[in-house]
């Protein structure tokens, strides 16, 4: 996914305005290696078989706690098609799309909940 994103950035001449970070999101955020807020965050697998069944909830909590998603930003989470919808009161599911064995779920910060770093 990162390679495609970088190629699209080059095509659109947005290399200077956008960045793609690759790594364990939870570790990168908890170590303070990134600051936000970001407009879009893509959370790609490890799926349940490698990250444990609670990885989506951990990522959502980590992102909300760190305040790295803009108040009007979007979290796009890829999961296995049969994985449950993760739950965190600070996020609201706005779209859910299934593609074969994969599923993309789109979340936004819930305006009624406090997210770290939000005004």
C-alpha atoms as a PDB file:
ATOM      1  CA  UNK A   1       0.000   0.000   0.000  1.00  0.00           C
ATOM      2  CA  UNK A   2       2.809   2.433   0.851  1.00  0.00           C
ATOM      3  CA  UNK A   3       4.397   1.998  -2.583  1.00  0.00           C
ATOM      4  CA  UNK A   4       1.083   2.824  -4.306  1.00  0.00           C
ATOM      5  CA  UNK A   5       0.531   5.855  -2.066  1.00  0.00           C
ATOM      6  CA  UNK A   6       4.024   7.189  -2.802  1.00  0.00           C
ATOM      7  CA  UNK A   7       3.554   6.666  -6.553  1.00  0.00           C
ATOM      8  CA  UNK A   8       0.255   8.544  -6.424  1.00  0.00           C
ATOM      9  CA  UNK A   9       1.884  11.371  -4.471  1.00  0.00           C
ATOM     10  CA  UNK A  10       4.544  11.702  -7.169  1.00  0.00           C
ATOM     11  CA  UNK A  11       1.944  11.641  -9.945  1.00  0.00           C
ATOM     12  CA  UNK A  12      -0.099  14.311  -8.176  1.00  0.00           C
ATOM     13  CA  UNK A  13       3.030  16.332  -7.306  1.00  0.00           C
ATOM     14  CA  UNK A  14       2.131  16.310  -3.602  1.00  0.00           C
ATOM     15  CA  UNK A  15       5.385  14.807  -2.294  1.00  0.00           C
ATOM     16  CA  UNK A  16       6.172  17.956  -0.286  1.00  0.00           C
ATOM     17  CA  UNK A  17       2.718  18.207   1.312  1.00  0.00           C
ATOM     18  CA  UNK A  18       2.150  14.554   2.252  1.00  0.00           C
ATOM     19  CA  UNK A  19       4.058  11.837   4.027  1.00  0.00           C
ATOM     20  CA  UNK A  20       3.796   8.066   4.273  1.00  0.00           C
ATOM     21  CA  UNK A  21       5.037   6.370   7.421  1.00  0.00           C
ATOM     22  CA  UNK A  22       5.521   2.615   7.508  1.00  0.00           C
ATOM     23  CA  UNK A  23       5.902   0.718  10.743  1.00  0.00           C
ATOM     24  CA  UNK A  24       4.102  -0.640  13.751  1.00  0.00           C
ATOM     25  CA  UNK A  25       1.606   2.187  14.300  1.00  0.00           C
ATOM     26  CA  UNK A  26       1.197   1.533  17.989  1.00  0.00           C
ATOM     27  CA  UNK A  27       4.963   1.584  18.642  1.00  0.00           C
ATOM     28  CA  UNK A  28       5.608   4.628  16.441  1.00  0.00           C
ATOM     29  CA  UNK A  29       2.861   6.654  18.102  1.00  0.00           C
ATOM     30  CA  UNK A  30       3.628   5.625  21.676  1.00  0.00           C
ATOM     31  CA  UNK A  31       7.305   6.523  21.173  1.00  0.00           C
ATOM     32  CA  UNK A  32       6.246  10.012  20.027  1.00  0.00           C
ATOM     33  CA  UNK A  33       7.913   9.622  16.634  1.00  0.00           C
ATOM     34  CA  UNK A  34       4.983  11.309  14.893  1.00  0.00           C
ATOM     35  CA  UNK A  35       2.952  14.351  15.674  1.00  0.00           C
ATOM     36  CA  UNK A  36      -0.362  15.266  14.202  1.00  0.00           C
ATOM     37  CA  UNK A  37      -2.920  15.958  13.586  1.00  0.00           C
ATOM     38  CA  UNK A  38      -3.253  13.927  10.394  1.00  0.00           C
ATOM     39  CA  UNK A  39      -6.226  14.121   8.036  1.00  0.00           C
ATOM     40  CA  UNK A  40      -6.096  10.461   6.988  1.00  0.00           C
ATOM     41  CA  UNK A  41      -4.561   7.468   8.707  1.00  0.00           C
ATOM     42  CA  UNK A  42      -4.507   4.034   7.066  1.00  0.00           C
ATOM     43  CA  UNK A  43      -4.207   1.117   9.496  1.00  0.00           C
ATOM     44  CA  UNK A  44      -3.217  -1.930   7.481  1.00  0.00           C
ATOM     45  CA  UNK A  45      -3.160  -5.513   8.798  1.00  0.00           C
ATOM     46  CA  UNK A  46      -1.599  -7.599  10.788  1.00  0.00           C
ATOM     47  CA  UNK A  47      -5.155  -8.934  11.015  1.00  0.00           C
ATOM     48  CA  UNK A  48      -6.193 -11.023  14.023  1.00  0.00           C
ATOM     49  CA  UNK A  49      -3.833 -13.879  13.253  1.00  0.00           C
ATOM     50  CA  UNK A  50      -0.703 -11.788  13.905  1.00  0.00           C
ATOM     51  CA  UNK A  51      -1.782  -8.796  15.959  1.00  0.00           C
ATOM     52  CA  UNK A  52      -4.167 -10.601  18.250  1.00  0.00           C
ATOM     53  CA  UNK A  53      -7.927 -10.202  18.082  1.00  0.00           C
ATOM     54  CA  UNK A  54      -7.804  -6.876  19.908  1.00  0.00           C
ATOM     55  CA  UNK A  55      -5.349  -5.070  17.593  1.00  0.00           C
ATOM     56  CA  UNK A  56      -8.020  -2.807  16.021  1.00  0.00           C
ATOM     57  CA  UNK A  57      -9.200  -1.608  19.425  1.00  0.00           C
ATOM     58  CA  UNK A  58      -5.611  -1.035  20.583  1.00  0.00           C
ATOM     59  CA  UNK A  59      -4.845   1.048  17.500  1.00  0.00           C
ATOM     60  CA  UNK A  60      -8.030   3.105  17.894  1.00  0.00           C
ATOM     61  CA  UNK A  61      -7.262   3.783  21.565  1.00  0.00           C
ATOM     62  CA  UNK A  62      -3.640   4.642  20.795  1.00  0.00           C
ATOM     63  CA  UNK A  63      -4.630   7.110  18.060  1.00  0.00           C
ATOM     64  CA  UNK A  64      -7.283   8.765  20.224  1.00  0.00           C
ATOM     65  CA  UNK A  65      -5.006   8.951  23.283  1.00  0.00           C
ATOM     66  CA  UNK A  66      -2.193  10.547  21.260  1.00  0.00           C
ATOM     67  CA  UNK A  67      -4.478  12.981  19.431  1.00  0.00           C
ATOM     68  CA  UNK A  68      -2.831  12.344  16.069  1.00  0.00           C
ATOM     69  CA  UNK A  69      -6.058  12.290  14.021  1.00  0.00           C
ATOM     70  CA  UNK A  70      -7.517  15.673  13.105  1.00  0.00           C
ATOM     71  CA  UNK A  71     -10.974  16.342  14.521  1.00  0.00           C
ATOM     72  CA  UNK A  72     -12.336  16.154  10.949  1.00  0.00           C
ATOM     73  CA  UNK A  73      -9.894  13.383   9.980  1.00  0.00           C
ATOM     74  CA  UNK A  74     -10.567   9.795   8.943  1.00  0.00           C
ATOM     75  CA  UNK A  75      -9.152   6.493  10.122  1.00  0.00           C
ATOM     76  CA  UNK A  76      -9.258   3.832   7.400  1.00  0.00           C
ATOM     77  CA  UNK A  77      -8.776   0.396   8.927  1.00  0.00           C
ATOM     78  CA  UNK A  78      -8.236  -2.729   6.858  1.00  0.00           C
ATOM     79  CA  UNK A  79      -9.355  -5.941   8.539  1.00  0.00           C
ATOM     80  CA  UNK A  80     -10.152  -9.489   7.585  1.00  0.00           C
ATOM     81  CA  UNK A  81     -13.645  -9.725   6.100  1.00  0.00           C
ATOM     82  CA  UNK A  82     -14.943 -11.746   9.050  1.00  0.00           C
ATOM     83  CA  UNK A  83     -13.379  -9.664  11.843  1.00  0.00           C
ATOM     84  CA  UNK A  84     -15.712  -7.848  14.207  1.00  0.00           C
ATOM     85  CA  UNK A  85     -16.150  -4.091  14.120  1.00  0.00           C
ATOM     86  CA  UNK A  86     -13.807  -2.647  16.742  1.00  0.00           C
ATOM     87  CA  UNK A  87     -15.347  -0.518  19.442  1.00  0.00           C
ATOM     88  CA  UNK A  88     -14.082   2.664  21.074  1.00  0.00           C
ATOM     89  CA  UNK A  89     -16.544   5.351  22.179  1.00  0.00           C
ATOM     90  CA  UNK A  90     -14.236   8.037  20.778  1.00  0.00           C
ATOM     91  CA  UNK A  91     -14.776   6.788  17.210  1.00  0.00           C
ATOM     92  CA  UNK A  92     -17.812   6.556  14.951  1.00  0.00           C
ATOM     93  CA  UNK A  93     -18.030   4.072  12.044  1.00  0.00           C
ATOM     94  CA  UNK A  94     -19.121   5.910   8.876  1.00  0.00           C
ATOM     95  CA  UNK A  95     -18.552   3.288   6.172  1.00  0.00           C
ATOM     96  CA  UNK A  96     -17.857  -0.448   5.925  1.00  0.00           C
ATOM     97  CA  UNK A  97     -16.843  -2.080   2.630  1.00  0.00           C
ATOM     98  CA  UNK A  98     -16.038  -5.720   1.949  1.00  0.00           C
ATOM     99  CA  UNK A  99     -13.596  -6.715  -0.813  1.00  0.00           C
ATOM    100  CA  UNK A 100     -13.177 -10.487  -0.986  1.00  0.00           C
ATOM    101  CA  UNK A 101     -11.289 -11.598   2.133  1.00  0.00           C
ATOM    102  CA  UNK A 102     -10.650  -8.005   3.251  1.00  0.00           C
ATOM    103  CA  UNK A 103     -12.791  -5.259   4.701  1.00  0.00           C
ATOM    104  CA  UNK A 104     -12.187  -1.501   4.851  1.00  0.00           C
ATOM    105  CA  UNK A 105     -13.805   0.354   7.727  1.00  0.00           C
ATOM    106  CA  UNK A 106     -13.868   4.131   7.892  1.00  0.00           C
ATOM    107  CA  UNK A 107     -14.016   5.875  11.271  1.00  0.00           C
ATOM    108  CA  UNK A 108     -14.136   9.511  12.325  1.00  0.00           C
ATOM    109  CA  UNK A 109     -13.539  10.951  15.775  1.00  0.00           C
ATOM    110  CA  UNK A 110     -16.868  11.154  17.587  1.00  0.00           C
ATOM    111  CA  UNK A 111     -17.620  14.863  18.055  1.00  0.00           C
ATOM    112  CA  UNK A 112     -19.244  14.139  21.415  1.00  0.00           C
ATOM    113  CA  UNK A 113     -16.110  12.530  22.858  1.00  0.00           C
ATOM    114  CA  UNK A 114     -12.885  14.169  23.965  1.00  0.00           C
ATOM    115  CA  UNK A 115      -9.868  13.169  21.909  1.00  0.00           C
ATOM    116  CA  UNK A 116      -6.417  14.108  23.218  1.00  0.00           C
ATOM    117  CA  UNK A 117      -5.030  17.154  21.482  1.00  0.00           C
ATOM    118  CA  UNK A 118      -8.443  18.349  20.290  1.00  0.00           C
ATOM    119  CA  UNK A 119      -9.417  21.935  21.080  1.00  0.00           C
END
